[in-house]
Amino acid sequence: DPNSLVGLTENGGHCRTNEVVYELQCKLCKDKYFGETARNAHVRGMEHIDDSESNNVEKQEKSVILKHCKDKPKFSIKVQNFQ
């Protein structure tokens, strides 16, 4: 399924297998989140997406995707000494 997080991942595994341990990885910084679910990875991945895009504050607070984006700076600065 192209809408599934697993479907967007090269060699992501079979997204319809129940009772799995899964790994979310940030494409920018390569940080990883490991989770497990009795449901399948497609359903759990869609829940992660829905939580991160929700207007519901409770869902936003439990979203590991949103928490990661807020905790990790998008840019860094390095001072170059020029003479």
Protein backbone atom coordinates (compact mmCIF):
# COMPACT_ATOMS: atom_id res chain seq x y z
CA ASP A 1 0.00 0.00 0.00
CA PRO A 2 1.70 3.24 -1.10
CA ASN A 3 -0.03 5.19 1.73
CA SER A 4 1.49 2.94 4.37
CA LEU A 5 4.73 3.93 6.08
CA VAL A 6 5.93 0.42 5.27
CA GLY A 7 4.98 0.91 1.62
CA LEU A 8 7.18 4.00 1.53
CA THR A 9 10.18 2.04 2.77
CA GLU A 10 12.46 0.00 0.55
CA ASN A 11 12.44 -3.60 1.82
CA GLY A 12 10.14 -2.57 4.69
CA GLY A 13 8.70 -6.00 5.20
CA HIS A 14 5.20 -7.39 4.97
CA CYS A 15 2.90 -4.67 6.32
CA ARG A 16 -0.09 -6.97 6.94
CA THR A 17 1.59 -9.34 9.41
CA ASN A 18 0.12 -9.05 12.92
CA GLU A 19 2.10 -8.98 16.16
CA VAL A 20 5.28 -7.28 14.99
CA VAL A 21 8.16 -5.25 16.33
CA TYR A 22 8.71 -2.29 14.03
CA GLU A 23 11.18 0.52 13.52
CA LEU A 24 10.42 4.11 12.55
CA GLN A 25 13.44 5.97 11.21
CA CYS A 26 13.76 9.68 10.55
CA LYS A 27 14.85 10.18 6.96
CA LEU A 28 16.73 13.37 7.86
CA CYS A 29 18.74 12.49 10.96
CA LYS A 30 18.42 8.67 10.98
CA ASP A 31 17.15 8.57 14.60
CA LYS A 32 15.08 5.45 15.26
CA TYR A 33 12.01 4.61 17.30
CA PHE A 34 11.20 0.98 18.03
CA GLY A 35 7.69 -0.15 18.86
CA GLU A 36 5.62 -3.28 19.00
CA THR A 37 1.99 -3.89 18.21
CA ALA A 38 -0.51 -6.73 18.18
CA ARG A 39 -1.96 -5.13 15.06
CA ASN A 40 -0.10 -5.05 11.76
CA ALA A 41 2.51 -2.50 10.72
CA HIS A 42 0.21 -0.90 8.14
CA VAL A 43 -2.46 -0.10 10.74
CA ARG A 44 0.07 1.06 13.35
CA GLY A 45 1.93 3.19 10.82
CA MET A 46 -1.28 4.88 9.75
CA GLU A 47 -2.03 5.57 13.43
CA HIS A 48 1.38 7.24 13.79
CA ILE A 49 0.62 9.42 10.75
CA ASP A 50 -2.91 10.24 11.93
CA ASP A 51 -1.63 11.21 15.40
CA SER A 52 1.06 13.47 13.95
CA GLU A 53 -1.42 15.23 11.64
CA SER A 54 -4.30 15.45 14.14
CA ASN A 55 -5.72 18.68 15.56
CA ASN A 56 -6.49 16.74 18.75
CA VAL A 57 -4.03 17.83 21.46
CA GLU A 58 -4.07 14.42 23.19
CA LYS A 59 -3.13 12.65 19.95
CA GLN A 60 -0.42 15.23 19.23
CA GLU A 61 1.09 14.73 22.69
CA LYS A 62 1.42 10.97 22.21
CA SER A 63 2.79 11.24 18.66
CA VAL A 64 6.39 10.03 18.52
CA ILE A 65 6.72 11.60 15.07
CA LEU A 66 5.66 15.05 16.28
CA LYS A 67 7.75 14.78 19.44
CA HIS A 68 10.79 13.94 17.34
CA CYS A 69 10.23 16.92 15.03
CA LYS A 70 9.87 19.29 18.01
CA ASP A 71 12.88 17.90 19.89
CA LYS A 72 15.32 17.88 16.99
CA PRO A 73 16.54 21.18 15.60
CA LYS A 74 16.21 21.50 11.85
CA PHE A 75 19.42 23.49 11.51
CA SER A 76 22.70 23.92 13.28
CA ILE A 77 25.21 26.74 13.08
CA LYS A 78 28.96 26.52 12.93
CA VAL A 79 31.16 29.59 13.22
CA GLN A 80 34.01 29.82 10.81
CA ASN A 81 36.96 31.93 11.91
CA PHE A 82 38.22 34.04 9.06
CA GLN A 83 41.26 36.28 9.28
